[in-house]
Amino acid sequence: MASAIATPPYTLLGRFYDHLTQGSPEMNRVARRKVLGKILPRVRTACDLGCGTGTTAVDLARLGIKVYAVDASREQCRLARRKVRIAGVPVRVIHADMRVLSLPEPVDLVLSEFNALNHLGRKSDLLPVFRRVAQALCPGGWFYFDVNMWPTYKRFYPETRWDEGPGFCLAAHGGYDRKRGRAWVLSEWFVHENGAWRRYQERIEDAWWSHAEIRSALRQAGFSRIQSWDGTRIRPRSVKPRPGFDRYYVARR
């Protein structure tokens, strides 16, 4: 078997992201309605942080909100721009790392859905990102996000996962270091390109934090009115929620 070609994180995951996460857009919409239902009508400008392929950004723009969509993956930004063009909505897609977030103007809402913050990969990055988010918000602006908690990594990351779809096959296996609060997934991709199958390897790292660590970082960054919910109270029942696996937050600057 040919040696795997190493690719930057999220290159192939970005390319096939929508196929692999088909249920996530509706799950995110349900959560958004529950948590932000009374807030969204007051929002005029927003930033979708860790926007992926741009589905949430398009949803917000269709509500008449001026949207900035930010992601560190060039591939996902490319796909987000294509999705925005097809939808015909005014979204500005920005290729940038959330750790150095800088927007053209302050916004009313920053949201980061589907555990995008976990992809920071280092526990120490959380507070700097929260501070950047606070700086990006208008006074009184809201910050909404969800994160995976420790049980997710313990339960799912050591498993071997197999997925396939149009033009690809994927075998993924991961692990975690509980002491350091870090996890990883090593993905072996087989992609059909130019009439042949090519093998790629992609490694993605996550970090997680306790509820107390997240609340402390939010306070240090200048947020108040912090509310949070276990995912079982927010996610649709159709996704078979389990208590303790994820958590949703909203905080106000």
Protein backbone atom coordinates (compact mmCIF):
# COMPACT_ATOMS: atom_id res chain seq x y z
CA MET A 1 0.00 0.00 0.00
CA ALA A 2 1.27 3.47 -0.89
CA SER A 3 2.42 5.71 1.93
CA ALA A 4 -0.13 8.21 3.17
CA ILE A 5 0.28 11.86 2.18
CA ALA A 6 0.11 14.11 5.23
CA THR A 7 -2.33 17.01 4.84
CA PRO A 8 -2.89 20.08 7.01
CA PRO A 9 -5.73 19.66 9.54
CA TYR A 10 -9.25 20.18 8.14
CA THR A 11 -8.16 19.99 4.50
CA LEU A 12 -10.03 16.77 3.72
CA LEU A 13 -12.40 17.05 6.66
CA GLY A 14 -13.41 20.42 5.22
CA ARG A 15 -13.92 18.98 1.76
CA PHE A 16 -16.26 16.25 2.99
CA TYR A 17 -17.58 18.03 6.07
CA ASP A 18 -21.17 18.49 4.94
CA HIS A 19 -21.52 14.81 4.07
CA LEU A 20 -20.04 13.67 7.41
CA THR A 21 -22.15 16.05 9.52
CA GLN A 22 -25.51 15.91 7.78
CA GLY A 23 -27.49 16.05 11.01
CA SER A 24 -25.61 18.95 12.60
CA PRO A 25 -27.24 21.93 10.82
CA GLU A 26 -30.72 21.10 12.12
CA MET A 27 -29.36 20.27 15.57
CA ASN A 28 -27.65 23.67 15.64
CA ARG A 29 -30.84 25.42 14.50
CA VAL A 30 -32.87 23.79 17.27
CA ALA A 31 -30.28 24.82 19.87
CA ARG A 32 -30.08 28.35 18.46
CA ARG A 33 -33.85 28.78 18.68
CA LYS A 34 -33.91 27.59 22.29
CA VAL A 35 -31.01 29.71 23.54
CA LEU A 36 -31.09 32.75 21.24
CA GLY A 37 -34.77 32.90 20.35
CA LYS A 38 -35.38 36.16 22.22
CA ILE A 39 -31.96 37.61 21.39
CA LEU A 40 -31.72 37.15 17.61
CA PRO A 41 -34.45 39.71 16.75
CA ARG A 42 -32.23 42.34 18.44
CA VAL A 43 -29.08 41.35 16.52
CA ARG A 44 -27.98 43.45 13.55
CA THR A 45 -24.38 42.24 13.18
CA ALA A 46 -22.86 38.85 14.02
CA CYS A 47 -19.72 36.75 13.72
CA ASP A 48 -19.88 33.01 13.12
CA LEU A 49 -16.61 31.92 14.74
CA GLY A 50 -15.28 28.61 13.44
CA CYS A 51 -17.83 28.84 10.65
CA GLY A 52 -16.96 25.57 8.92
CA THR A 53 -18.60 25.47 5.50
CA GLY A 54 -20.84 28.44 6.26
CA THR A 55 -24.26 26.92 6.94
CA THR A 56 -24.94 28.95 10.11
CA ALA A 57 -23.63 32.15 8.51
CA VAL A 58 -26.10 31.71 5.65
CA ASP A 59 -28.93 31.03 8.11
CA LEU A 60 -28.18 34.27 9.98
CA ALA A 61 -27.83 36.33 6.81
CA ARG A 62 -31.25 35.15 5.69
CA LEU A 63 -32.62 36.79 8.85
CA GLY A 64 -31.26 40.13 7.63
CA ILE A 65 -28.19 40.06 9.90
CA LYS A 66 -24.85 41.38 8.65
CA VAL A 67 -22.53 38.40 9.09
CA TYR A 68 -18.79 37.83 9.30
CA ALA A 69 -17.81 34.17 9.03
CA VAL A 70 -14.36 33.25 10.38
CA ASP A 71 -12.46 29.99 10.11
CA ALA A 72 -8.81 28.91 10.28
CA SER A 73 -9.22 26.30 7.53
CA ARG A 74 -8.61 27.58 4.01
CA GLU A 75 -10.62 24.69 2.58
CA GLN A 76 -13.62 25.40 4.76
CA CYS A 77 -13.44 29.11 3.94
CA ARG A 78 -13.41 28.23 0.23
CA LEU A 79 -16.49 26.05 0.66
CA ALA A 80 -18.21 28.69 2.81
CA ARG A 81 -17.67 31.33 0.11
CA ARG A 82 -19.17 28.99 -2.47
CA LYS A 83 -22.18 28.31 -0.24
CA VAL A 84 -22.66 32.04 0.31
CA ARG A 85 -22.55 32.71 -3.45
CA ILE A 86 -25.12 30.00 -4.13
CA ALA A 87 -27.40 31.34 -1.40
CA GLY A 88 -27.00 34.91 -2.67
CA VAL A 89 -26.66 36.41 0.81
CA PRO A 90 -24.22 39.07 2.05
CA VAL A 91 -21.69 37.23 4.21
CA ARG A 92 -18.02 38.19 4.45
CA VAL A 93 -15.86 35.09 4.93
CA ILE A 94 -12.55 35.72 6.70
CA HIS A 95 -9.70 33.22 6.82
CA ALA A 96 -8.25 33.71 10.32
CA ASP A 97 -7.38 31.88 13.50
CA MET A 98 -9.82 32.67 16.31
CA ARG A 99 -6.86 33.22 18.63
CA VAL A 100 -6.09 36.43 16.70
CA LEU A 101 -9.70 37.37 15.95
CA SER A 102 -10.07 40.89 14.60
CA LEU A 103 -13.25 42.06 12.88
CA PRO A 104 -13.81 45.16 10.70
CA GLU A 105 -16.38 46.41 13.21
CA PRO A 106 -17.85 45.46 16.60
CA VAL A 107 -20.75 43.03 16.39
CA ASP A 108 -23.84 42.34 18.49
CA LEU A 109 -23.33 38.57 18.62
CA VAL A 110 -20.46 36.13 18.34
CA LEU A 111 -21.50 32.51 18.11
CA SER A 112 -19.38 29.39 17.86
CA GLU A 113 -21.39 26.24 17.22
CA PHE A 114 -20.81 22.49 17.01
CA ASN A 115 -17.86 22.48 19.48
CA ALA A 116 -15.63 24.67 17.30
CA LEU A 117 -13.83 25.96 20.41
CA ASN A 118 -12.66 22.45 21.29
CA HIS A 119 -10.58 22.52 18.11
CA LEU A 120 -8.26 25.07 19.68
CA GLY A 121 -6.26 22.02 20.72
CA ARG A 122 -4.67 23.60 23.83
CA LYS A 123 -6.34 24.35 27.15
CA SER A 124 -4.31 27.53 27.53
CA ASP A 125 -5.90 29.05 24.39
CA LEU A 126 -9.37 29.43 25.91
CA LEU A 127 -8.88 32.66 27.86
CA PRO A 128 -7.06 34.50 25.01
CA VAL A 129 -9.90 33.57 22.64
CA PHE A 130 -12.55 34.73 25.11
CA ARG A 131 -10.71 38.05 25.42
CA ARG A 132 -10.62 38.42 21.64
CA VAL A 133 -14.34 37.70 21.47
CA ALA A 134 -15.05 40.32 24.15
CA GLN A 135 -13.06 42.88 22.16
CA ALA A 136 -15.02 42.01 19.02
CA LEU A 137 -18.40 42.62 20.67
CA CYS A 138 -20.35 45.83 21.07
CA PRO A 139 -21.01 46.82 24.70
CA GLY A 140 -23.85 44.57 25.83
CA GLY A 141 -23.17 42.07 23.04
CA TRP A 142 -23.73 38.33 23.42
CA PHE A 143 -21.40 35.36 23.12
CA TYR A 144 -23.05 31.99 22.42
CA PHE A 145 -21.18 28.70 22.08
CA ASP A 146 -21.28 24.99 22.79
CA VAL A 147 -18.41 22.68 23.76
CA ASN A 148 -17.77 19.00 24.18
CA MET A 149 -17.03 17.95 27.74
CA TRP A 150 -14.70 15.24 29.07
CA PRO A 151 -17.12 12.26 28.72
CA THR A 152 -17.30 12.78 24.95
CA TYR A 153 -13.58 12.13 24.58
CA LYS A 154 -13.56 9.20 26.97
CA ARG A 155 -16.48 7.51 25.25
CA PHE A 156 -15.99 8.20 21.55
CA TYR A 157 -12.40 9.08 20.71
CA PRO A 158 -10.75 5.68 21.33
CA GLU A 159 -13.25 4.04 18.96
CA THR A 160 -12.41 3.28 15.34
CA ARG A 161 -14.82 4.99 12.98
CA TRP A 162 -15.53 4.11 9.36
CA ASP A 163 -17.31 6.44 6.95
CA GLU A 164 -17.68 6.52 3.22
CA GLY A 165 -19.37 8.72 0.70
CA PRO A 166 -19.08 9.99 -2.86
CA GLY A 167 -15.39 9.86 -3.73
CA PHE A 168 -13.97 8.96 -0.32
CA CYS A 169 -13.54 6.37 2.41
CA LEU A 170 -12.44 7.29 5.92
CA ALA A 171 -11.01 5.27 8.81
CA ALA A 172 -10.46 7.31 11.96
CA HIS A 173 -9.12 6.40 15.38
CA GLY A 174 -8.28 8.65 18.30
CA GLY A 175 -7.27 8.89 21.90
CA TYR A 176 -7.00 11.31 24.81
CA ASP A 177 -4.72 12.47 27.60
CA ARG A 178 -6.97 13.24 30.56
CA LYS A 179 -4.20 14.85 32.61
CA ARG A 180 -3.44 17.41 29.88
CA GLY A 181 -7.04 17.83 28.77
CA ARG A 182 -6.24 17.01 25.15
CA ALA A 183 -7.54 14.56 22.58
CA TRP A 184 -6.75 13.68 19.00
CA VAL A 185 -8.10 11.90 15.94
CA LEU A 186 -5.89 10.38 13.25
CA SER A 187 -7.82 10.05 10.00
CA GLU A 188 -6.80 7.78 7.13
CA TRP A 189 -8.48 9.03 3.98
CA PHE A 190 -8.82 7.23 0.68
CA VAL A 191 -9.91 9.76 -1.92
CA HIS A 192 -10.79 9.11 -5.55
CA GLU A 193 -8.88 11.65 -7.65
CA ASN A 194 -8.12 11.66 -11.38
CA GLY A 195 -9.24 8.07 -11.84
CA ALA A 196 -7.22 6.64 -8.93
CA TRP A 197 -7.49 6.24 -5.17
CA ARG A 198 -5.01 8.25 -3.12
CA ARG A 199 -4.28 7.79 0.54
CA TYR A 200 -4.03 10.76 2.90
CA GLN A 201 -3.49 11.18 6.63
CA GLU A 202 -4.86 14.01 8.70
CA ARG A 203 -4.45 14.61 12.45
CA ILE A 204 -6.79 16.85 14.39
CA GLU A 205 -6.36 17.77 18.04
CA ASP A 206 -8.96 18.92 20.56
CA ALA A 207 -8.92 20.37 24.06
CA TRP A 208 -11.63 20.34 26.70
CA TRP A 209 -12.35 22.26 29.87
CA SER A 210 -14.45 21.78 32.97
CA HIS A 211 -17.54 23.87 33.54
CA ALA A 212 -15.70 25.75 36.30
CA GLU A 213 -12.76 26.52 33.98
CA ILE A 214 -15.07 27.88 31.29
CA ARG A 215 -16.99 30.12 33.69
CA SER A 216 -13.75 31.41 35.20
CA ALA A 217 -12.31 32.25 31.77
CA LEU A 218 -15.51 34.05 30.76
CA ARG A 219 -15.41 36.18 33.90
CA GLN A 220 -11.72 36.99 33.43
CA ALA A 221 -12.46 38.06 29.85
CA GLY A 222 -15.09 40.53 31.08
CA PHE A 223 -18.31 38.61 30.53
CA SER A 224 -21.27 38.66 32.90
CA ARG A 225 -24.77 37.18 33.01
CA ILE A 226 -23.33 33.77 32.21
CA GLN A 227 -25.91 31.06 31.60
CA SER A 228 -25.30 27.44 30.67
CA TRP A 229 -27.23 24.26 30.02
CA ASP A 230 -26.38 20.61 29.66
CA GLY A 231 -26.80 19.47 26.08
CA THR A 232 -29.71 17.20 27.03
CA ARG A 233 -31.79 20.35 27.66
CA ILE A 234 -30.89 21.98 24.34
CA ARG A 235 -30.29 19.38 21.65
CA PRO A 236 -33.22 17.68 19.87
CA ARG A 237 -34.22 14.35 21.36
CA SER A 238 -33.69 12.68 17.99
CA VAL A 239 -29.90 12.80 18.51
CA LYS A 240 -30.19 10.56 21.62
CA PRO A 241 -28.67 13.04 24.06
CA ARG A 242 -26.61 11.89 27.02
CA PRO A 243 -26.07 14.03 30.11
CA GLY A 244 -22.60 15.45 30.65
CA PHE A 245 -21.35 15.04 27.07
CA ASP A 246 -21.68 18.66 25.94
CA ARG A 247 -22.72 22.06 27.27
CA TYR A 248 -24.19 25.27 25.86
CA TYR A 249 -23.33 28.77 27.06
CA VAL A 250 -24.46 32.32 26.53
CA ALA A 251 -22.72 35.29 28.16
CA ARG A 252 -23.00 39.03 27.83
CA ARG A 253 -20.22 41.56 27.63
